[in-house]
Amino acid sequence: MMKSRLRDLKPASAGPPPRLPPLSAAEGAYAMPQRIDARAARAALPLWGEAALRAAEAHWAPLLPAHALMQRAGEAASRLLAARWPHARRVLLLCGPGNNGGDGLAAAASLARRDFAPRLRVVLVGCGDASQWNPQRRPADWCWALAQARAAGLQPVAWEGGDAAGWLRDADAVVDALLGLGLREAPRGQLGEAVQALDGRPEGLPLLALDLPSGLRGATGEAPGAHVRADATLAMLGLQPGHVGGPQAAACGELWLDALQVDMRAAAPAAPRALLGDSDSALRALPPLHRAAHKGERGDVRLFGGAAGMTGALWLAARAALLLGGGRVYAASLDPRAPAVDAEFPELMLRDVDSLLEAARGAGRGAACHVFGPGAGASPQALRCLLELLDAPQPLVIDADGLNLLAAQPRDGAAWQALRRRAHAAWLTPHPTEAARLLECETSSVQSDRLAAARRLCELTGAQVVLKGAGSVIACTDGTTWVNHGGNGLLATAGTGDVLAGALGACLARSAGASHAARAAVWLHAAAAELALRDGAALRAGTLAQWMLRAWREAAPGVCNA
């Protein structure tokens, strides 16, 4: 948990250590922590900042029995460890000097009291010798948890780096309770030694991290130095952005949440930093196709791009728009030698750039969306096309080379001014490097706080933003920010971003540019990769849209009639 625990522990006496009152009937039937995966994230889940989590703890601690939150944290960890690795007979718990370490001690006490309890070794890291394990040197809840562990028959020992390899070889499972929230710098001293030991643990030795894998920043999902790679992470009270997005968020492994039987929203003084998921409502909000529907109701998608040598990017986007429900899909290639028909998808209507731009200018109020950028290149013709589309009605998606063209223009120039004054929705879909060009910063700066980068870009351009990557961020002009859960390395191939641009165009055309359409498209993009991985199938950009359609049918069969 966190460093701030508001209940003070009285000086230790010679009598038995204090114990909490018996659990109520409701608490005795306390459920397992919740697994946070793509299925769980189909409903909206808040992502909290560190300050909000600390404020919630400060709110609830005086209203509960002393040490209740730490006891509940320890029991949740015990329950998850026993359920997740039931055959672990030897468990090593590494506990740090703060209340994350206290959670580990409480977990050890809870494990020791279980039927068929495993053999436990509890190691206190960065806590000094036993003379410093007192309320004058350690947090009150930590001292209480230490007393609980001793009362359960355990004998915690101080860290000795030379013993780490032996301890790890002798364990069937490990609990990382070294560092929790509020990491400011790379772990040092004994904590740094312990983190490196855990990072180099024997292959196949499972590790459960409490709150966060030690060394990971909960606000951003990045690590300033060495960090633990967990098989599972148990978040306490609420989720943070770094659990689900950021350069090292994958270090969390399986993600679990236990709210410790309190309501974060009733206590947090500020709104969540972002929302996770909610794909169900996004998919349901896409208009269903009734029996009398016609292609005009599904929307027109007009795509521009595909300069010489890059027509494949345009066709990938156009085919995705068709498969994801576009009623009429038009594509204009900037390569004058491009084929006049797509032999594999002859229903795509290929046009020259000028005639399709004229159609875009006169689109009127019908359901439609324009997409610019896949394979567009950086020619004067491409820039002219972008400028005309910025002044055209209907929603607009700017992707790939369209973003690079925009980044190359002066901030007070015609392109940026047209983007900011648009009356219709505009969507930018950068990957981190493209976002860095638009923000005039380094890619590392974008990745160090993806939520902040997406919001800055949204405010700078007046456009809505999909910042692609691990935990894609969707920043809307109404101030809301979403993080998409799911996806995997199967998406790390050429052309998958073009497919997302086309799918986004189809969803926006069908829903008049509403933000839920973008969330639906981004979720389907990630869900397709999850399905392919589940089925052990190969995945490439050319087949991705079909997997997206399958994910849509499985998630919302009453909506997807494409």
Protein backbone atom coordinates (compact mmCIF):
# COMPACT_ATOMS: atom_id res chain seq x y z
CA MET A 1 0.00 0.00 0.00
CA MET A 2 1.11 3.59 0.54
CA LYS A 3 3.51 5.27 2.90
CA SER A 4 0.76 7.23 4.68
CA ARG A 5 -1.17 5.26 7.30
CA LEU A 6 -3.13 7.47 9.63
CA ARG A 7 -3.66 5.17 12.63
CA ASP A 8 -0.79 5.32 15.09
CA LEU A 9 0.41 2.14 16.76
CA LYS A 10 0.90 2.40 20.51
CA PRO A 11 4.32 1.39 21.84
CA ALA A 12 4.73 -2.36 21.92
CA SER A 13 4.03 -4.01 25.26
CA ALA A 14 5.01 -7.35 26.66
CA GLY A 15 1.53 -8.73 26.01
CA PRO A 16 0.27 -10.37 22.83
CA PRO A 17 0.14 -8.21 19.70
CA PRO A 18 -3.16 -6.44 18.93
CA ARG A 19 -5.59 -8.22 16.64
CA LEU A 20 -8.45 -6.94 14.55
CA PRO A 21 -12.03 -7.79 15.44
CA PRO A 22 -13.40 -10.90 13.71
CA LEU A 23 -14.55 -10.37 10.15
CA SER A 24 -18.23 -9.71 9.58
CA ALA A 25 -20.26 -12.27 7.66
CA ALA A 26 -19.91 -10.16 4.53
CA GLU A 27 -16.16 -9.87 4.97
CA GLY A 28 -15.81 -13.56 5.74
CA ALA A 29 -17.33 -14.31 2.35
CA TYR A 30 -15.02 -11.79 0.70
CA ALA A 31 -14.55 -12.66 -2.95
CA MET A 32 -11.36 -13.14 -4.88
CA PRO A 33 -9.72 -10.04 -6.36
CA GLN A 34 -11.02 -9.11 -9.80
CA ARG A 35 -9.00 -10.13 -12.85
CA ILE A 36 -8.49 -7.10 -15.08
CA ASP A 37 -8.36 -8.28 -18.67
CA ALA A 38 -10.05 -7.37 -21.94
CA ARG A 39 -13.32 -8.87 -20.70
CA ALA A 40 -13.30 -6.88 -17.45
CA ALA A 41 -12.39 -3.70 -19.34
CA ARG A 42 -15.50 -3.94 -21.45
CA ALA A 43 -17.03 -1.83 -18.67
CA ALA A 44 -15.46 1.48 -17.68
CA LEU A 45 -12.89 1.30 -14.88
CA PRO A 46 -11.28 4.43 -13.39
CA LEU A 47 -7.51 4.95 -13.48
CA TRP A 48 -6.42 6.97 -10.46
CA GLY A 49 -3.47 9.19 -9.73
CA GLU A 50 -1.27 8.65 -6.71
CA ALA A 51 -2.75 11.63 -4.85
CA ALA A 52 -6.29 10.29 -5.24
CA LEU A 53 -5.29 6.88 -3.89
CA ARG A 54 -3.59 8.44 -0.89
CA ALA A 55 -6.60 10.68 -0.28
CA ALA A 56 -8.94 7.69 -0.37
CA GLU A 57 -6.81 5.86 2.17
CA ALA A 58 -6.77 8.94 4.39
CA HIS A 59 -10.55 9.16 4.10
CA TRP A 60 -11.29 5.55 4.97
CA ALA A 61 -8.64 4.78 7.59
CA PRO A 62 -10.33 6.71 10.46
CA LEU A 63 -13.72 5.18 9.58
CA LEU A 64 -12.52 1.59 9.85
CA PRO A 65 -11.02 -0.49 12.67
CA ALA A 66 -7.32 0.18 13.17
CA HIS A 67 -5.16 -1.40 10.47
CA ALA A 68 -8.21 -2.69 8.56
CA LEU A 69 -6.93 -1.66 5.13
CA MET A 70 -3.60 -3.41 5.65
CA GLN A 71 -5.29 -6.53 6.99
CA ARG A 72 -7.58 -6.62 3.96
CA ALA A 73 -4.63 -6.08 1.63
CA GLY A 74 -2.76 -8.97 3.21
CA GLU A 75 -5.76 -11.27 3.03
CA ALA A 76 -6.38 -10.36 -0.61
CA ALA A 77 -2.75 -11.16 -1.48
CA SER A 78 -2.93 -14.42 0.46
CA ARG A 79 -6.13 -15.43 -1.29
CA LEU A 80 -4.77 -14.66 -4.75
CA LEU A 81 -1.45 -16.42 -4.18
CA ALA A 82 -3.14 -19.56 -2.87
CA ALA A 83 -5.62 -19.62 -5.75
CA ARG A 84 -3.17 -18.75 -8.49
CA TRP A 85 -0.34 -21.07 -7.39
CA PRO A 86 -2.05 -23.65 -5.13
CA HIS A 87 0.87 -26.08 -5.26
CA ALA A 88 3.48 -23.62 -3.99
CA ARG A 89 4.74 -25.18 -0.76
CA ARG A 90 7.64 -22.76 -0.21
CA VAL A 91 6.94 -19.03 -0.52
CA LEU A 92 9.51 -16.25 -0.25
CA LEU A 93 8.20 -12.80 0.70
CA LEU A 94 10.50 -9.79 0.26
CA CYS A 95 9.10 -6.85 2.25
CA GLY A 96 10.35 -3.29 2.07
CA PRO A 97 10.49 -0.55 4.74
CA GLY A 98 7.19 1.16 3.86
CA ASN A 99 3.62 0.08 3.92
CA ASN A 100 3.98 -1.95 0.75
CA GLY A 101 6.28 -4.06 2.90
CA GLY A 102 3.59 -3.99 5.58
CA ASP A 103 1.13 -5.46 3.08
CA GLY A 104 3.65 -8.23 2.46
CA LEU A 105 3.95 -8.92 6.19
CA ALA A 106 0.17 -9.00 6.51
CA ALA A 107 0.03 -11.40 3.57
CA ALA A 108 2.59 -13.63 5.28
CA ALA A 109 0.53 -13.67 8.47
CA SER A 110 -2.60 -14.55 6.51
CA LEU A 111 -0.82 -17.32 4.61
CA ALA A 112 0.57 -18.76 7.84
CA ARG A 113 -2.94 -19.07 9.27
CA ARG A 114 -4.35 -20.94 6.27
CA ASP A 115 -5.05 -24.63 6.34
CA PHE A 116 -2.13 -26.47 4.77
CA ALA A 117 -0.06 -23.31 4.98
CA PRO A 118 3.11 -23.24 2.85
CA ARG A 119 6.54 -22.90 4.41
CA LEU A 120 7.21 -19.17 4.49
CA ARG A 121 10.42 -17.19 4.48
CA VAL A 122 9.96 -13.47 5.20
CA VAL A 123 12.89 -11.18 4.41
CA LEU A 124 12.89 -7.50 5.38
CA VAL A 125 14.79 -5.42 2.81
CA GLY A 126 16.12 -1.93 3.46
CA CYS A 127 14.75 -2.03 7.01
CA GLY A 128 17.99 -2.17 8.98
CA ASP A 129 18.47 -4.70 11.76
CA ALA A 130 15.85 -5.79 14.29
CA SER A 131 16.61 -2.82 16.54
CA GLN A 132 15.06 -0.57 13.88
CA TRP A 133 11.82 -2.52 13.52
CA ASN A 134 9.87 -0.24 15.83
CA PRO A 135 7.33 2.61 15.60
CA GLN A 136 10.09 5.21 15.89
CA ARG A 137 11.72 4.01 12.65
CA ARG A 138 8.93 2.30 10.69
CA PRO A 139 5.31 3.19 9.83
CA ALA A 140 2.69 2.25 12.41
CA ASP A 141 0.85 -0.19 10.17
CA TRP A 142 4.14 -1.85 9.20
CA CYS A 143 4.93 -2.47 12.87
CA TRP A 144 1.46 -3.88 13.43
CA ALA A 145 1.84 -6.23 10.46
CA LEU A 146 5.25 -7.36 11.75
CA ALA A 147 3.61 -8.20 15.09
CA GLN A 148 0.93 -10.17 13.24
CA ALA A 149 3.53 -12.14 11.33
CA ARG A 150 5.41 -12.99 14.51
CA ALA A 151 2.19 -13.95 16.27
CA ALA A 152 1.51 -16.38 13.39
CA GLY A 153 4.81 -18.10 14.17
CA LEU A 154 7.00 -16.44 11.56
CA GLN A 155 10.50 -15.13 12.19
CA PRO A 156 11.33 -12.42 9.64
CA VAL A 157 15.01 -11.92 8.90
CA ALA A 158 17.00 -8.98 7.56
CA TRP A 159 18.21 -8.93 3.97
CA GLU A 160 21.61 -10.29 3.26
CA GLY A 161 22.39 -9.97 -0.41
CA GLY A 162 24.60 -13.04 -0.45
CA ASP A 163 21.65 -15.25 0.50
CA ALA A 164 19.31 -14.05 -2.24
CA ALA A 165 20.20 -16.68 -4.84
CA GLY A 166 19.73 -19.48 -2.32
CA TRP A 167 16.41 -18.11 -1.12
CA LEU A 168 15.14 -17.91 -4.68
CA ARG A 169 16.31 -21.44 -5.54
CA ASP A 170 14.49 -22.73 -2.47
CA ALA A 171 11.15 -21.05 -3.34
CA ASP A 172 8.12 -22.20 -5.30
CA ALA A 173 6.65 -18.67 -5.46
CA VAL A 174 7.77 -15.15 -4.56
CA VAL A 175 5.91 -12.11 -3.28
CA ASP A 176 7.36 -8.70 -4.22
CA ALA A 177 6.36 -6.23 -1.48
CA LEU A 178 9.42 -4.00 -1.75
CA LEU A 179 8.13 -0.73 -3.22
CA GLY A 180 4.61 0.48 -3.83
CA LEU A 181 3.33 3.86 -4.96
CA GLY A 182 5.24 7.07 -5.29
CA LEU A 183 8.47 5.79 -6.83
CA ARG A 184 10.66 8.82 -7.55
CA GLU A 185 13.97 7.29 -8.63
CA ALA A 186 15.56 3.97 -9.46
CA PRO A 187 15.79 1.59 -6.48
CA ARG A 188 19.13 1.85 -4.66
CA GLY A 189 20.97 0.11 -1.86
CA GLN A 190 19.42 -3.10 -0.54
CA LEU A 191 16.19 -2.38 -2.39
CA GLY A 192 18.12 -2.11 -5.66
CA GLU A 193 19.93 -5.37 -4.90
CA ALA A 194 16.64 -7.12 -4.19
CA VAL A 195 15.01 -5.80 -7.36
CA GLN A 196 17.93 -7.03 -9.45
CA ALA A 197 17.81 -10.41 -7.71
CA LEU A 198 14.12 -10.76 -8.48
CA ASP A 199 14.66 -9.67 -12.06
CA GLY A 200 17.23 -12.46 -12.41
CA ARG A 201 15.25 -15.12 -10.55
CA PRO A 202 15.25 -18.71 -11.84
CA GLU A 203 13.17 -19.21 -14.95
CA GLY A 204 9.67 -20.41 -14.20
CA LEU A 205 9.61 -19.15 -10.60
CA PRO A 206 6.27 -17.27 -10.32
CA LEU A 207 6.17 -13.85 -8.72
CA LEU A 208 3.22 -11.89 -7.32
CA ALA A 209 3.77 -8.11 -7.01
CA LEU A 210 1.73 -6.11 -4.52
CA ASP A 211 0.46 -2.75 -5.82
CA LEU A 212 3.11 -2.56 -8.56
CA PRO A 213 6.19 -4.48 -9.66
CA SER A 214 8.96 -2.78 -7.70
CA GLY A 215 10.74 -0.15 -9.78
CA LEU A 216 7.68 0.66 -11.94
CA ARG A 217 5.98 4.06 -11.79
CA GLY A 218 2.25 3.74 -11.40
CA ALA A 219 1.52 7.10 -12.99
CA THR A 220 3.24 6.36 -16.28
CA GLY A 221 4.10 2.67 -16.64
CA GLU A 222 7.79 3.45 -17.08
CA ALA A 223 10.77 2.52 -14.93
CA PRO A 224 13.69 4.84 -14.16
CA GLY A 225 16.01 1.87 -13.62
CA ALA A 226 15.90 -1.83 -12.82
CA HIS A 227 12.42 -3.18 -12.18
CA VAL A 228 10.71 -6.43 -11.33
CA ARG A 229 8.84 -8.38 -14.01
CA ALA A 230 5.88 -10.01 -12.31
CA ASP A 231 3.73 -12.92 -13.35
CA ALA A 232 0.79 -11.24 -11.62
CA THR A 233 0.22 -7.88 -9.94
CA LEU A 234 -2.42 -7.18 -7.30
CA ALA A 235 -3.48 -3.53 -7.35
CA MET A 236 -4.96 -2.24 -4.07
CA LEU A 237 -7.86 0.23 -3.80
CA GLY A 238 -7.75 1.24 -7.47
CA LEU A 239 -5.92 0.97 -10.76
CA GLN A 240 -3.31 3.42 -11.97
CA PRO A 241 -2.45 4.33 -15.58
CA GLY A 242 0.88 2.51 -15.32
CA HIS A 243 -0.91 -0.76 -14.68
CA VAL A 244 -2.35 -0.81 -18.20
CA GLY A 245 -0.17 1.44 -20.36
CA GLY A 246 3.34 2.71 -20.78
CA PRO A 247 6.70 1.31 -21.89
CA GLN A 248 7.05 -1.24 -19.07
CA ALA A 249 3.39 -1.87 -18.17
CA ALA A 250 3.76 -5.44 -19.41
CA ALA A 251 5.92 -6.05 -16.33
CA CYS A 252 2.67 -6.30 -14.35
CA GLY A 253 1.85 -9.63 -15.99
CA GLU A 254 -1.68 -10.68 -15.10
CA LEU A 255 -3.45 -7.73 -13.52
CA TRP A 256 -5.76 -8.12 -10.52
CA LEU A 257 -7.62 -5.54 -8.48
CA ASP A 258 -8.92 -5.59 -4.91
CA ALA A 259 -10.79 -2.49 -3.78
CA LEU A 260 -10.35 -3.52 -0.10
CA GLN A 261 -14.13 -3.18 0.40
CA VAL A 262 -14.12 0.60 0.08
CA ASP A 263 -15.44 2.99 -2.56
CA MET A 264 -12.73 5.06 -4.21
CA ARG A 265 -15.19 7.43 -5.85
CA ALA A 266 -16.76 8.31 -2.49
CA ALA A 267 -13.41 9.40 -1.11
CA ALA A 268 -11.24 10.70 -3.94
CA PRO A 269 -11.22 14.53 -4.13
CA ALA A 270 -10.35 14.52 -7.84
CA ALA A 271 -11.65 12.75 -10.91
CA PRO A 272 -9.75 9.77 -12.28
CA ARG A 273 -6.87 10.60 -14.59
CA ALA A 274 -8.47 8.42 -17.26
CA LEU A 275 -10.97 5.64 -17.83
CA LEU A 276 -10.10 2.12 -18.89
CA GLY A 277 -12.15 0.23 -21.43
CA ASP A 278 -15.94 0.58 -21.65
CA SER A 279 -15.98 -1.09 -25.04
CA ASP A 280 -19.46 -2.54 -24.48
CA SER A 281 -21.13 0.87 -24.39
CA ALA A 282 -19.00 2.03 -27.34
CA LEU A 283 -20.02 -0.93 -29.48
CA ARG A 284 -23.67 -0.63 -28.45
CA ALA A 285 -23.64 3.05 -29.41
CA LEU A 286 -22.76 2.25 -33.03
CA PRO A 287 -26.10 2.37 -34.86
CA PRO A 288 -27.43 -1.12 -35.62
CA LEU A 289 -28.45 -2.00 -39.15
CA HIS A 290 -32.14 -2.76 -39.42
CA ARG A 291 -33.59 -5.01 -42.10
CA ALA A 292 -34.51 -2.10 -44.34
CA ALA A 293 -31.06 -0.49 -44.12
CA HIS A 294 -29.30 0.65 -47.28
CA LYS A 295 -25.66 1.41 -48.01
CA GLY A 296 -26.14 5.15 -47.53
CA GLU A 297 -27.01 4.60 -43.88
CA ARG A 298 -23.72 2.81 -43.33
CA GLY A 299 -21.81 5.90 -44.40
CA ASP A 300 -19.35 6.85 -47.12
CA VAL A 301 -15.63 6.59 -46.40
CA ARG A 302 -13.24 8.52 -48.66
CA LEU A 303 -9.57 7.68 -48.29
CA PHE A 304 -6.58 9.57 -49.71
CA GLY A 305 -2.96 8.42 -49.75
CA GLY A 306 -0.89 5.78 -51.48
CA ALA A 307 1.92 7.70 -53.17
CA ALA A 308 4.28 5.85 -55.51
CA GLY A 309 5.59 2.71 -53.83
CA MET A 310 3.08 3.00 -50.96
CA THR A 311 -0.29 2.18 -52.49
CA GLY A 312 -0.47 -0.90 -50.27
CA ALA A 313 -0.99 1.30 -47.21
CA LEU A 314 -3.98 2.99 -48.85
CA TRP A 315 -5.51 -0.32 -49.88
CA LEU A 316 -5.09 -1.82 -46.43
CA ALA A 317 -6.97 1.13 -44.94
CA ALA A 318 -9.68 1.05 -47.62
CA ARG A 319 -10.25 -2.69 -47.29
CA ALA A 320 -10.53 -2.31 -43.52
CA ALA A 321 -13.10 0.44 -43.95
CA LEU A 322 -15.11 -1.86 -46.20
CA LEU A 323 -14.92 -4.87 -43.87
CA LEU A 324 -15.75 -2.80 -40.79
CA GLY A 325 -19.02 -1.57 -42.22
CA GLY A 326 -18.46 1.31 -44.63
CA GLY A 327 -21.42 1.43 -47.01
CA ARG A 328 -19.50 2.98 -49.91
CA VAL A 329 -15.73 3.13 -49.76
CA TYR A 330 -13.75 5.33 -52.15
CA ALA A 331 -9.97 5.48 -52.42
CA ALA A 332 -7.81 8.01 -54.26
CA SER A 333 -4.16 7.20 -54.80
CA LEU A 334 -1.52 9.90 -55.14
CA ASP A 335 0.34 7.57 -57.52
CA PRO A 336 -0.90 8.29 -61.08
CA ARG A 337 0.14 4.78 -62.09
CA ALA A 338 -1.93 3.06 -59.43
CA PRO A 339 -4.37 0.39 -60.68
CA ALA A 340 -7.90 1.50 -61.47
CA VAL A 341 -9.47 -1.47 -59.67
CA ASP A 342 -8.69 -3.65 -56.66
CA ALA A 343 -8.98 -7.15 -58.10
CA GLU A 344 -9.36 -8.76 -54.68
CA PHE A 345 -11.91 -6.21 -53.42
CA PRO A 346 -13.64 -4.96 -56.57
CA GLU A 347 -16.34 -3.28 -54.49
CA LEU A 348 -13.80 -0.60 -53.55
CA MET A 349 -14.35 2.43 -55.77
CA LEU A 350 -11.01 3.83 -56.90
CA ARG A 351 -10.99 7.47 -58.00
CA ASP A 352 -8.48 10.11 -59.00
CA VAL A 353 -7.57 12.60 -56.30
CA ASP A 354 -9.26 15.68 -57.77
CA SER A 355 -12.63 14.03 -58.36
CA LEU A 356 -12.70 12.52 -54.87
CA LEU A 357 -11.71 15.86 -53.32
CA GLU A 358 -14.59 17.47 -55.17
CA ALA A 359 -16.93 14.83 -53.75
CA ALA A 360 -15.52 15.48 -50.26
CA ARG A 361 -16.10 19.23 -50.56
CA GLY A 362 -19.72 18.66 -51.50
CA ALA A 363 -20.39 15.83 -49.05
CA GLY A 364 -23.21 17.71 -47.31
CA ARG A 365 -24.84 16.19 -44.27
CA GLY A 366 -24.88 12.54 -45.24
CA ALA A 367 -23.09 9.97 -43.10
CA ALA A 368 -19.45 10.07 -44.16
CA CYS A 369 -15.83 10.30 -43.02
CA HIS A 370 -12.62 11.28 -44.78
CA VAL A 371 -9.30 9.54 -44.08
CA PHE A 372 -5.99 11.07 -45.14
CA GLY A 373 -2.45 9.84 -44.77
CA PRO A 374 -1.77 6.11 -45.29
CA GLY A 375 1.22 6.07 -47.64
CA ALA A 376 0.57 9.68 -48.70
CA GLY A 377 4.22 10.75 -48.81
CA ALA A 378 5.34 14.37 -48.48
CA SER A 379 4.77 15.85 -51.96
CA PRO A 380 3.19 19.27 -52.67
CA GLN A 381 0.17 17.37 -54.00
CA ALA A 382 -0.18 15.53 -50.68
CA LEU A 383 -0.04 18.82 -48.76
CA ARG A 384 -2.66 20.36 -51.06
CA CYS A 385 -4.91 17.36 -50.48
CA LEU A 386 -4.52 17.67 -46.71
CA LEU A 387 -5.33 21.41 -46.77
CA GLU A 388 -8.48 20.85 -48.82
CA LEU A 389 -9.68 18.08 -46.52
CA LEU A 390 -9.10 20.25 -43.46
CA ASP A 391 -11.64 22.70 -44.91
CA ALA A 392 -14.09 19.99 -46.04
CA PRO A 393 -17.17 19.01 -44.04
CA GLN A 394 -17.60 15.66 -42.28
CA PRO A 395 -15.27 13.97 -39.75
CA LEU A 396 -11.63 13.61 -40.75
CA VAL A 397 -9.01 11.05 -39.71
CA ILE A 398 -5.36 12.11 -40.19
CA ASP A 399 -2.90 9.22 -40.02
CA ALA A 400 0.69 8.32 -40.86
CA ASP A 401 2.18 10.66 -43.50
CA GLY A 402 -0.68 13.08 -42.91
CA LEU A 403 0.64 13.57 -39.39
CA ASN A 404 4.20 14.03 -40.64
CA LEU A 405 3.01 16.61 -43.16
CA LEU A 406 1.19 18.47 -40.41
CA ALA A 407 4.22 18.35 -38.12
CA ALA A 408 6.37 19.89 -40.86
CA GLN A 409 4.09 22.94 -41.15
CA PRO A 410 4.53 26.08 -39.03
CA ARG A 411 2.30 26.19 -35.97
CA ASP A 412 0.78 29.47 -37.14
CA GLY A 413 0.46 28.31 -40.75
CA ALA A 414 -2.60 27.46 -42.82
CA ALA A 415 -2.73 23.75 -41.94
CA TRP A 416 -2.67 24.22 -38.17
CA GLN A 417 -5.13 27.12 -38.32
CA ALA A 418 -7.54 25.07 -40.45
CA LEU A 419 -7.26 22.15 -38.05
CA ARG A 420 -8.02 24.30 -35.02
CA ARG A 421 -11.02 26.00 -36.57
CA ARG A 422 -12.69 22.86 -37.92
CA ALA A 423 -16.40 22.64 -37.10
CA HIS A 424 -16.42 18.87 -37.66
CA ALA A 425 -14.50 16.33 -35.64
CA ALA A 426 -10.89 15.64 -36.55
CA TRP A 427 -9.00 12.62 -35.29
CA LEU A 428 -5.21 12.30 -35.15
CA THR A 429 -3.83 8.76 -34.85
CA PRO A 430 -0.08 9.03 -34.10
CA HIS A 431 2.29 6.41 -32.85
CA PRO A 432 4.74 7.78 -30.23
CA THR A 433 7.32 9.06 -32.72
CA GLU A 434 4.68 10.85 -34.78
CA ALA A 435 3.26 12.37 -31.61
CA ALA A 436 6.74 13.58 -30.67
CA ARG A 437 7.10 15.33 -34.04
CA LEU A 438 3.77 17.08 -33.56
CA LEU A 439 4.67 18.10 -30.00
CA GLU A 440 8.25 19.03 -30.96
CA CYS A 441 9.76 16.82 -28.28
CA GLU A 442 11.58 13.50 -27.98
CA THR A 443 9.77 10.17 -28.30
CA SER A 444 11.01 9.31 -24.81
CA SER A 445 9.12 12.32 -23.48
CA VAL A 446 5.89 11.04 -25.02
CA GLN A 447 6.45 7.57 -23.64
CA SER A 448 7.36 8.85 -20.17
CA ASP A 449 3.76 10.06 -19.69
CA ARG A 450 1.48 8.91 -22.48
CA LEU A 451 -1.67 10.33 -20.90
CA ALA A 452 -0.16 13.79 -20.59
CA ALA A 453 1.24 13.66 -24.13
CA ALA A 454 -2.13 12.72 -25.63
CA ARG A 455 -3.88 15.48 -23.70
CA ARG A 456 -1.26 18.08 -24.74
CA LEU A 457 -1.70 17.12 -28.37
CA CYS A 458 -5.48 17.30 -28.07
CA GLU A 459 -5.30 20.78 -26.54
CA LEU A 460 -2.66 22.00 -29.02
CA THR A 461 -4.57 20.98 -32.14
CA GLY A 462 -8.22 21.08 -31.07
CA ALA A 463 -8.47 17.56 -32.51
CA GLN A 464 -9.23 14.29 -30.81
CA VAL A 465 -6.27 11.95 -30.46
CA VAL A 466 -5.60 8.23 -30.56
CA LEU A 467 -2.04 7.75 -29.28
CA LYS A 468 -1.22 4.23 -30.40
CA GLY A 469 0.97 1.81 -28.46
CA ALA A 470 0.84 -0.39 -25.38
CA GLY A 471 -2.37 0.85 -23.80
CA SER A 472 -3.56 3.12 -26.61
CA VAL A 473 -4.73 6.48 -25.24
CA ILE A 474 -7.84 8.22 -26.58
CA ALA A 475 -7.95 11.92 -25.64
CA CYS A 476 -11.22 13.70 -26.44
CA THR A 477 -11.90 17.39 -26.79
CA ASP A 478 -14.52 17.20 -24.01
CA GLY A 479 -11.70 16.54 -21.54
CA THR A 480 -12.19 12.81 -21.10
CA THR A 481 -9.30 10.42 -21.60
CA TRP A 482 -9.58 6.69 -22.18
CA VAL A 483 -7.01 3.91 -22.14
CA ASN A 484 -7.63 0.79 -24.20
CA HIS A 485 -6.79 -2.56 -22.65
CA GLY A 486 -5.56 -5.52 -24.63
CA GLY A 487 -3.55 -6.08 -27.75
CA ASN A 488 -0.19 -7.79 -28.03
CA GLY A 489 2.97 -8.00 -30.08
CA LEU A 490 1.13 -9.48 -33.07
CA LEU A 491 0.18 -5.90 -33.94
CA ALA A 492 3.84 -4.89 -34.23
CA THR A 493 3.97 -5.38 -37.99
CA ALA A 494 3.83 -3.03 -40.96
CA GLY A 495 0.38 -1.89 -42.01
CA THR A 496 -1.59 -2.52 -38.83
CA GLY A 497 -1.86 1.22 -38.21
CA ASP A 498 -3.28 1.72 -41.71
CA VAL A 499 -5.93 -0.88 -40.91
CA LEU A 500 -6.87 1.03 -37.75
CA ALA A 501 -7.21 4.27 -39.74
CA GLY A 502 -9.61 2.63 -42.19
CA ALA A 503 -11.62 0.98 -39.43
CA LEU A 504 -11.80 4.26 -37.57
CA GLY A 505 -13.10 5.96 -40.71
CA ALA A 506 -15.87 3.35 -41.08
CA CYS A 507 -16.94 3.62 -37.43
CA LEU A 508 -16.90 7.43 -37.48
CA ALA A 509 -18.90 7.56 -40.70
CA ARG A 510 -21.52 5.30 -39.17
CA SER A 511 -21.82 7.35 -35.97
CA ALA A 512 -21.43 10.97 -37.14
CA GLY A 513 -17.93 11.29 -35.67
CA ALA A 514 -18.82 10.47 -32.05
CA SER A 515 -15.97 9.63 -29.69
CA HIS A 516 -17.45 6.26 -28.80
CA ALA A 517 -16.82 5.19 -32.40
CA ALA A 518 -13.10 5.75 -31.96
CA ARG A 519 -13.10 3.72 -28.75
CA ALA A 520 -14.95 0.93 -30.53
CA ALA A 521 -12.44 0.85 -33.41
CA VAL A 522 -9.42 0.90 -31.08
CA TRP A 523 -10.89 -1.88 -28.94
CA LEU A 524 -11.64 -4.05 -31.97
CA HIS A 525 -8.07 -3.51 -33.22
CA ALA A 526 -6.63 -4.86 -29.96
CA ALA A 527 -9.29 -7.55 -29.53
CA ALA A 528 -8.46 -8.94 -32.97
CA ALA A 529 -4.88 -9.55 -31.88
CA GLU A 530 -6.11 -11.22 -28.68
CA LEU A 531 -8.33 -13.57 -30.70
CA ALA A 532 -5.52 -14.45 -33.08
CA LEU A 533 -3.17 -15.17 -30.18
CA ARG A 534 -5.82 -17.28 -28.44
CA ASP A 535 -6.33 -19.35 -31.58
CA GLY A 536 -2.62 -19.65 -32.32
CA ALA A 537 -3.11 -18.02 -35.72
CA ALA A 538 -0.70 -15.94 -37.74
CA LEU A 539 -1.68 -12.29 -38.00
CA ARG A 540 -0.67 -9.71 -40.59
CA ALA A 541 -2.13 -6.42 -41.66
CA GLY A 542 -3.88 -8.01 -44.63
CA THR A 543 -5.94 -10.30 -42.38
CA LEU A 544 -6.30 -7.99 -39.37
CA ALA A 545 -9.62 -6.43 -40.46
CA GLN A 546 -11.21 -9.88 -40.71
CA TRP A 547 -10.11 -10.65 -37.16
CA MET A 548 -11.56 -7.29 -36.07
CA LEU A 549 -14.87 -8.23 -37.65
CA ARG A 550 -14.81 -11.55 -35.83
CA ALA A 551 -14.09 -9.78 -32.52
CA TRP A 552 -17.04 -7.46 -33.18
CA ARG A 553 -19.37 -10.36 -33.87
CA GLU A 554 -18.31 -12.13 -30.68
CA ALA A 555 -18.60 -8.99 -28.53
CA ALA A 556 -21.85 -7.54 -29.90
CA PRO A 557 -23.61 -9.94 -32.26
CA GLY A 558 -26.77 -7.85 -32.31
CA VAL A 559 -24.89 -4.80 -33.58
CA CYS A 560 -22.49 -6.15 -36.15
CA ASN A 561 -24.37 -7.15 -39.27
CA ALA A 562 -21.65 -6.19 -41.71
